[in-house]
Amino acid sequence: MRCVLTLLLLFSYSTSFSCYNEYYALDAKGRVHPVEIRTRKFKQAFNKQYLEKQLIELELKLKKKADFKLLSNYGLHLVQSGKVKEALVIFEKLAELHPDEYSIIANLGTTYELSGQNEKALEYIRKGIEINPDSHRGSEWIHVKILEAKIALEKDPNYLNNHSVLNLSSKQKQSKKIFDQLYIQLQERFPFSPKEANPIMADLFVNLGDYYFETISFEHAKAFYQLAQIYYKSDRKDIIKKIEQARKLREDYATKSMSGTPSGGVIIEKIQGVPYQNYVFNPPGSDYSIDWSKVETNPEKLLSYLGIETEKVKSETKTEKVASKEITSKPKKKSDNSMLWIGLTLVLLIISIFTYFKAKKKKH
């Protein structure tokens, strides 16, 4: 009896872990692709609570150790917290002192972009690529293309009506490497790109959707097209058409399933109807309000931890010295004036005494 119970327990143990789930998707040609239900999502904002903590800790470290890399990290966190103007002062000065430091040059380029200075941003992003062409897994060429498109849009608001941001060839549109790089750039850019009309972000998501449509999943492609249409408020007619094509393919392949029956108790499930909302999320702490009374934002003071003076500080110091000189010179002028009045008083007194005695002598 004991042996039977042992066998039953072993059988129960072995079968209780035998059921797994496997998901698959179909591309535009009906080809089957195994995929994970979990997707590489896009972060809508930064964790402000985490940033506040990091900024406070970094300032303490800077007070103990004058390290430009610590200050560069501080500037990055300022940018992520929305203090772009303050961070720009820091990165400009650090770039003067460390012109071959990739992180500083790249951070300066991105900060120029967030400040709306796209020409300068392009200059420094290109310089960053020269220093480190493999950064961000070699995806910074996409950043260059984005800046070029922004500059083109400044000159011609209708530029994207006849062009694409990346202008990919047919072969490039099928390249997994390129779309892994595009994913990287989109994930980095997403928190800085709020839910509002943005033709560049919309165009990039169309590119991502087109790749998925042909090579992985028309369901996921539809979600990317909707990010372009709904999240980034694009009214492009070709996007509407692409979404309709994806929905039609769902109907056409409604009964298509994976061929063969996998063993081992694996449950196979086809992915259907992926909402675009599945791709976006807000991290914990994104709604937190930073207490700026606890965080140093004055770039001049932050730079002073490294013994660096900005032109503003130099100018203020010069003004203070001039003012100090004027203040110290005023007592001297006051003293000179006093001596003059004393001299005049003595002269008048002598004249008065002389006049008095002269008049008295005439009476006699």
Protein backbone atom coordinates (compact mmCIF):
# COMPACT_ATOMS: atom_id res chain seq x y z
CA MET A 1 0.00 0.00 0.00
CA ARG A 2 2.85 2.36 0.90
CA CYS A 3 4.46 1.65 -2.50
CA VAL A 4 1.22 2.49 -4.31
CA LEU A 5 0.91 5.80 -2.44
CA THR A 6 4.52 6.64 -3.25
CA LEU A 7 3.93 5.97 -6.95
CA LEU A 8 0.77 8.06 -6.93
CA LEU A 9 2.61 10.94 -5.26
CA LEU A 10 5.48 10.74 -7.76
CA PHE A 11 3.02 10.64 -10.66
CA SER A 12 1.14 13.61 -9.23
CA TYR A 13 4.37 15.57 -8.72
CA SER A 14 5.64 14.88 -12.22
CA THR A 15 2.40 15.82 -13.96
CA SER A 16 1.67 18.93 -11.88
CA PHE A 17 4.54 20.76 -13.64
CA SER A 18 3.97 19.39 -17.13
CA CYS A 19 1.49 21.99 -18.46
CA TYR A 20 3.06 25.01 -20.16
CA ASN A 21 1.71 27.71 -22.44
CA GLU A 22 3.23 28.65 -25.76
CA TYR A 23 2.12 31.60 -27.84
CA TYR A 24 2.48 32.10 -31.55
CA ALA A 25 1.64 34.77 -34.07
CA LEU A 26 1.15 34.98 -37.82
CA ASP A 27 2.80 37.41 -40.19
CA ALA A 28 1.17 38.92 -43.28
CA LYS A 29 1.84 35.75 -45.30
CA GLY A 30 0.35 33.47 -42.66
CA ARG A 31 3.70 32.11 -41.49
CA VAL A 32 3.83 30.97 -37.88
CA HIS A 33 6.24 32.59 -35.42
CA PRO A 34 6.64 31.65 -31.76
CA VAL A 35 6.51 34.81 -29.64
CA GLU A 36 6.32 35.79 -26.01
CA ILE A 37 3.07 37.28 -24.78
CA ARG A 38 5.18 39.74 -22.79
CA THR A 39 6.29 42.59 -24.96
CA ARG A 40 9.12 45.10 -24.82
CA LYS A 41 7.17 47.99 -23.43
CA PHE A 42 7.65 51.73 -23.64
CA LYS A 43 8.02 53.75 -20.44
CA GLN A 44 5.88 56.90 -20.47
CA ALA A 45 7.72 58.71 -17.68
CA PHE A 46 10.60 58.44 -15.24
CA ASN A 47 10.46 57.34 -11.61
CA LYS A 48 10.66 60.77 -9.97
CA GLN A 49 11.01 59.34 -6.48
CA TYR A 50 14.07 57.38 -7.57
CA LEU A 51 15.52 60.45 -9.32
CA GLU A 52 15.15 62.60 -6.21
CA LYS A 53 16.99 60.01 -4.14
CA GLN A 54 19.76 59.71 -6.75
CA LEU A 55 20.25 63.47 -7.00
CA ILE A 56 20.56 63.85 -3.24
CA GLU A 57 23.06 60.99 -3.02
CA LEU A 58 25.10 62.26 -5.97
CA GLU A 59 25.47 65.73 -4.45
CA LEU A 60 26.80 64.20 -1.25
CA LYS A 61 29.35 62.23 -3.28
CA LEU A 62 30.34 65.33 -5.25
CA LYS A 63 31.06 67.21 -2.03
CA LYS A 64 33.47 64.45 -1.02
CA LYS A 65 34.98 63.70 -4.42
CA ALA A 66 35.40 66.12 -7.34
CA ASP A 67 34.58 63.66 -10.13
CA PHE A 68 33.27 64.97 -13.47
CA LYS A 69 31.55 61.64 -14.14
CA LEU A 70 29.45 62.07 -11.01
CA LEU A 71 28.46 65.54 -12.19
CA SER A 72 27.62 64.16 -15.64
CA ASN A 73 25.29 61.63 -14.01
CA TYR A 74 23.79 64.45 -11.95
CA GLY A 75 23.11 66.41 -15.13
CA LEU A 76 21.46 63.38 -16.74
CA HIS A 77 19.12 62.98 -13.76
CA LEU A 78 18.30 66.68 -13.89
CA VAL A 79 17.25 66.24 -17.53
CA GLN A 80 15.10 63.23 -16.64
CA SER A 81 13.52 65.32 -13.88
CA GLY A 82 12.66 68.12 -16.31
CA LYS A 83 15.48 70.54 -15.40
CA VAL A 84 16.85 70.75 -18.94
CA LYS A 85 18.02 74.38 -18.79
CA GLU A 86 20.12 73.75 -15.68
CA ALA A 87 21.61 70.54 -17.06
CA LEU A 88 22.60 72.30 -20.28
CA VAL A 89 24.90 74.68 -18.38
CA ILE A 90 26.60 71.70 -16.74
CA PHE A 91 27.08 69.68 -19.93
CA GLU A 92 28.35 72.68 -21.93
CA LYS A 93 31.06 73.33 -19.35
CA LEU A 94 31.97 69.65 -18.96
CA ALA A 95 32.22 69.31 -22.76
CA GLU A 96 34.72 72.18 -22.86
CA LEU A 97 36.91 70.41 -20.33
CA HIS A 98 36.39 66.83 -21.59
CA PRO A 99 35.82 67.07 -25.37
CA ASP A 100 36.61 63.38 -25.97
CA GLU A 101 34.40 61.93 -23.24
CA TYR A 102 31.59 60.14 -25.09
CA SER A 103 28.92 60.25 -22.38
CA ILE A 104 29.30 64.00 -21.89
CA ILE A 105 29.27 64.78 -25.62
CA ALA A 106 26.24 62.55 -26.21
CA ASN A 107 24.42 63.97 -23.19
CA LEU A 108 25.11 67.50 -24.40
CA GLY A 109 23.74 66.64 -27.85
CA THR A 110 20.52 65.21 -26.40
CA THR A 111 20.13 68.16 -24.03
CA TYR A 112 20.50 70.57 -26.96
CA GLU A 113 17.75 68.60 -28.72
CA LEU A 114 15.44 68.84 -25.70
CA SER A 115 16.19 72.58 -25.64
CA GLY A 116 15.04 72.87 -29.26
CA GLN A 117 18.55 73.52 -30.61
CA ASN A 118 18.54 70.78 -33.25
CA GLU A 119 21.51 72.03 -35.30
CA LYS A 120 23.78 71.95 -32.25
CA ALA A 121 22.27 68.64 -31.18
CA LEU A 122 23.13 67.09 -34.54
CA GLU A 123 26.70 68.40 -34.32
CA TYR A 124 27.30 66.76 -30.94
CA ILE A 125 25.48 63.49 -31.66
CA ARG A 126 27.65 63.07 -34.77
CA LYS A 127 30.72 63.86 -32.71
CA GLY A 128 29.63 61.25 -30.17
CA ILE A 129 29.38 58.61 -32.90
CA GLU A 130 32.93 59.43 -34.00
CA ILE A 131 34.12 58.86 -30.43
CA ASN A 132 32.10 55.68 -29.86
CA PRO A 133 30.33 54.25 -32.93
CA ASP A 134 29.14 51.18 -30.99
CA SER A 135 27.23 53.05 -28.30
CA HIS A 136 23.60 52.11 -27.76
CA ARG A 137 24.34 48.93 -29.71
CA GLY A 138 25.26 50.98 -32.77
CA SER A 139 21.83 52.63 -32.96
CA GLU A 140 22.85 56.30 -32.78
CA TRP A 141 22.67 56.61 -36.58
CA ILE A 142 18.90 56.60 -36.02
CA HIS A 143 19.31 59.56 -33.64
CA VAL A 144 21.12 61.40 -36.44
CA LYS A 145 18.28 60.63 -38.87
CA ILE A 146 15.74 61.92 -36.36
CA LEU A 147 17.60 65.21 -35.93
CA GLU A 148 17.97 65.61 -39.68
CA ALA A 149 14.21 65.10 -40.04
CA LYS A 150 13.54 67.67 -37.30
CA ILE A 151 15.71 70.23 -39.06
CA ALA A 152 14.01 69.45 -42.38
CA LEU A 153 10.58 69.93 -40.75
CA GLU A 154 11.67 73.34 -39.43
CA LYS A 155 12.31 74.39 -43.02
CA ASP A 156 9.35 72.53 -44.56
CA PRO A 157 6.43 71.49 -42.27
CA ASN A 158 5.25 69.09 -45.02
CA TYR A 159 8.59 67.26 -45.28
CA LEU A 160 7.24 63.95 -43.98
CA ASN A 161 4.41 63.96 -46.52
CA ASN A 162 6.96 62.83 -49.11
CA HIS A 163 9.74 61.40 -46.95
CA SER A 164 10.30 58.97 -44.11
CA VAL A 165 12.50 59.70 -41.10
CA LEU A 166 14.78 56.72 -41.78
CA ASN A 167 14.25 56.37 -45.57
CA LEU A 168 14.99 52.65 -45.40
CA SER A 169 15.63 50.49 -48.43
CA SER A 170 13.55 47.36 -49.09
CA LYS A 171 16.36 45.21 -47.71
CA GLN A 172 16.74 47.35 -44.59
CA LYS A 173 13.02 47.05 -43.89
CA GLN A 174 13.55 43.30 -43.39
CA SER A 175 16.65 43.67 -41.18
CA LYS A 176 16.26 42.39 -37.63
CA LYS A 177 19.39 44.28 -36.57
CA ILE A 178 17.96 47.59 -37.72
CA PHE A 179 14.69 47.03 -35.93
CA ASP A 180 16.39 45.98 -32.73
CA GLN A 181 18.24 49.29 -32.97
CA LEU A 182 14.99 51.14 -33.67
CA TYR A 183 13.46 49.54 -30.58
CA ILE A 184 16.36 50.83 -28.47
CA GLN A 185 15.99 54.36 -29.77
CA LEU A 186 12.21 54.38 -29.33
CA GLN A 187 12.43 53.09 -25.77
CA GLU A 188 14.98 55.76 -24.86
CA ARG A 189 13.00 58.52 -26.57
CA PHE A 190 9.51 57.54 -25.39
CA PRO A 191 9.60 59.11 -21.87
CA PHE A 192 10.64 62.42 -23.44
CA SER A 193 7.83 62.24 -26.02
CA PRO A 194 4.44 62.81 -24.35
CA LYS A 195 1.10 61.71 -25.75
CA GLU A 196 0.55 64.47 -28.29
CA ALA A 197 0.94 65.09 -32.01
CA ASN A 198 4.44 63.99 -32.99
CA PRO A 199 4.90 63.15 -36.68
CA ILE A 200 8.46 61.86 -36.19
CA MET A 201 7.53 59.37 -33.46
CA ALA A 202 4.48 58.34 -35.48
CA ASP A 203 6.64 57.67 -38.54
CA LEU A 204 9.11 55.59 -36.53
CA PHE A 205 6.31 53.44 -35.10
CA VAL A 206 5.01 52.89 -38.63
CA ASN A 207 8.48 51.60 -39.55
CA LEU A 208 8.41 49.26 -36.56
CA GLY A 209 4.90 48.13 -37.46
CA ASP A 210 5.87 47.40 -41.06
CA TYR A 211 8.72 45.17 -39.90
CA TYR A 212 6.44 43.21 -37.56
CA PHE A 213 3.72 43.01 -40.20
CA GLU A 214 5.98 41.21 -42.67
CA THR A 215 8.22 39.19 -40.38
CA ILE A 216 6.60 38.44 -36.99
CA SER A 217 3.02 39.40 -36.24
CA PHE A 218 0.36 41.50 -37.92
CA GLU A 219 -1.39 41.71 -34.53
CA HIS A 220 1.59 43.41 -32.92
CA ALA A 221 2.04 45.51 -36.07
CA LYS A 222 -1.50 46.83 -35.63
CA ALA A 223 -0.64 47.91 -32.07
CA PHE A 224 2.36 49.89 -33.38
CA TYR A 225 0.23 51.52 -36.08
CA GLN A 226 -2.27 52.53 -33.39
CA LEU A 227 0.51 54.03 -31.29
CA ALA A 228 1.26 56.21 -34.31
CA GLN A 229 -2.39 56.99 -34.98
CA ILE A 230 -3.84 57.36 -31.47
CA TYR A 231 -0.95 58.02 -29.09
CA TYR A 232 0.93 60.35 -31.43
CA LYS A 233 -2.23 61.65 -33.10
CA SER A 234 -1.29 61.03 -36.71
CA ASP A 235 -4.00 61.50 -39.35
CA ARG A 236 -2.02 59.77 -42.10
CA LYS A 237 -4.33 57.80 -44.37
CA ASP A 238 -1.77 55.07 -44.97
CA ILE A 239 -1.83 54.22 -41.25
CA ILE A 240 -5.60 53.74 -41.33
CA LYS A 241 -5.17 51.44 -44.31
CA LYS A 242 -2.47 49.40 -42.55
CA ILE A 243 -4.69 48.90 -39.48
CA GLU A 244 -7.55 47.73 -41.71
CA GLN A 245 -5.21 45.26 -43.46
CA ALA A 246 -4.17 43.79 -40.11
CA ARG A 247 -7.80 43.33 -39.05
CA LYS A 248 -8.63 41.66 -42.35
CA LEU A 249 -5.74 39.24 -41.94
CA ARG A 250 -7.11 38.28 -38.54
CA GLU A 251 -10.35 37.26 -40.23
CA ASP A 252 -8.56 35.48 -43.08
CA TYR A 253 -6.42 33.39 -40.72
CA ALA A 254 -9.01 32.91 -37.99
CA THR A 255 -8.93 29.13 -38.35
CA LYS A 256 -5.23 28.72 -39.08
CA SER A 257 -3.23 27.06 -36.32
CA MET A 258 0.23 25.64 -35.83
CA SER A 259 0.79 22.37 -37.68
CA GLY A 260 1.55 19.28 -35.62
CA THR A 261 0.78 18.55 -32.00
CA PRO A 262 3.59 19.38 -29.58
CA SER A 263 4.24 16.88 -26.83
CA GLY A 264 4.86 17.40 -23.15
CA GLY A 265 1.48 18.92 -22.32
CA VAL A 266 2.24 22.31 -23.94
CA ILE A 267 -0.86 24.41 -24.55
CA ILE A 268 -0.54 26.39 -27.78
CA GLU A 269 -2.39 29.68 -28.07
CA LYS A 270 -2.57 32.14 -30.93
CA ILE A 271 -2.08 35.83 -30.13
CA GLN A 272 -5.08 37.86 -31.23
CA GLY A 273 -6.05 41.50 -30.85
CA VAL A 274 -3.05 43.14 -29.16
CA PRO A 275 -4.17 46.54 -27.73
CA TYR A 276 -1.64 49.30 -28.18
CA GLN A 277 -2.04 50.08 -24.46
CA ASN A 278 -0.19 46.81 -23.77
CA TYR A 279 2.95 48.49 -25.02
CA VAL A 280 2.94 51.54 -22.74
CA PHE A 281 3.25 51.86 -18.97
CA ASN A 282 4.05 54.30 -16.20
CA PRO A 283 6.66 53.06 -13.72
CA PRO A 284 6.15 53.35 -9.95
CA GLY A 285 7.03 56.82 -8.72
CA SER A 286 6.20 58.54 -12.01
CA ASP A 287 3.44 60.58 -10.32
CA TYR A 288 5.72 61.61 -7.46
CA SER A 289 6.51 65.33 -7.07
CA ILE A 290 10.18 66.03 -6.40
CA ASP A 291 10.83 68.24 -3.37
CA TRP A 292 13.23 70.69 -5.00
CA SER A 293 14.07 72.26 -1.64
CA LYS A 294 16.08 69.08 -0.97
CA VAL A 295 17.79 69.02 -4.37
CA GLU A 296 20.47 71.38 -5.65
CA THR A 297 19.62 72.72 -9.12
CA ASN A 298 22.00 75.70 -9.34
CA PRO A 299 24.50 74.66 -12.06
CA GLU A 300 27.09 77.20 -10.89
CA LYS A 301 27.12 75.72 -7.41
CA LEU A 302 27.25 72.16 -8.76
CA LEU A 303 30.18 73.04 -11.01
CA SER A 304 31.93 74.69 -8.09
CA TYR A 305 32.21 71.26 -6.43
CA LEU A 306 34.73 70.50 -9.19
CA GLY A 307 36.40 73.89 -8.83
CA ILE A 308 34.87 75.07 -12.12
CA GLU A 309 33.72 78.64 -12.67
CA THR A 310 31.26 79.54 -15.43
CA GLU A 311 31.31 82.83 -17.33
CA LYS A 312 28.31 83.89 -15.28
CA VAL A 313 30.18 83.32 -12.03
CA LYS A 314 33.25 85.16 -13.35
CA SER A 315 31.06 88.07 -14.42
CA GLU A 316 29.30 88.19 -11.05
CA THR A 317 32.66 88.01 -9.24
CA LYS A 318 34.00 90.89 -11.35
CA THR A 319 30.88 92.95 -10.63
CA GLU A 320 31.24 92.26 -6.92
CA LYS A 321 34.89 93.37 -7.00
CA VAL A 322 33.99 96.61 -8.80
CA ALA A 323 31.17 97.28 -6.36
CA SER A 324 33.51 96.55 -3.45
CA LYS A 325 36.08 98.98 -4.88
CA GLU A 326 33.44 101.69 -5.20
CA ILE A 327 32.29 101.11 -1.65
CA THR A 328 35.83 101.35 -0.28
CA SER A 329 36.51 104.50 -2.30
CA LYS A 330 33.47 106.34 -0.98
CA PRO A 331 34.84 106.95 2.55
CA LYS A 332 37.96 108.46 0.98
CA LYS A 333 35.84 110.92 -0.99
CA LYS A 334 33.87 111.72 2.12
CA SER A 335 37.12 112.40 4.02
CA ASP A 336 38.38 114.66 1.21
CA ASN A 337 35.14 116.63 1.27
CA SER A 338 35.33 117.05 5.06
CA MET A 339 38.84 118.53 4.85
CA LEU A 340 37.65 120.98 2.20
CA TRP A 341 34.80 122.19 4.40
CA ILE A 342 37.12 122.58 7.37
CA GLY A 343 39.51 124.67 5.26
CA LEU A 344 36.74 126.90 4.01
CA THR A 345 35.42 127.36 7.53
CA LEU A 346 38.86 128.43 8.79
CA VAL A 347 39.26 130.92 5.94
CA LEU A 348 35.83 132.43 6.68
CA LEU A 349 36.65 132.57 10.37
CA ILE A 350 39.95 134.40 9.70
CA ILE A 351 38.21 136.85 7.36
CA SER A 352 35.53 137.49 9.98
CA ILE A 353 38.11 138.12 12.75
CA PHE A 354 40.13 140.42 10.45
CA THR A 355 37.00 142.40 9.51
CA TYR A 356 35.95 142.70 13.15
CA PHE A 357 39.29 144.14 14.34
CA LYS A 358 39.51 146.48 11.38
CA ALA A 359 36.09 147.92 12.10
CA LYS A 360 36.92 148.32 15.79
CA LYS A 361 40.13 150.21 14.94
CA LYS A 362 38.21 152.75 12.81
CA LYS A 363 35.92 153.55 15.75
CA HIS A 364 38.87 154.48 17.86
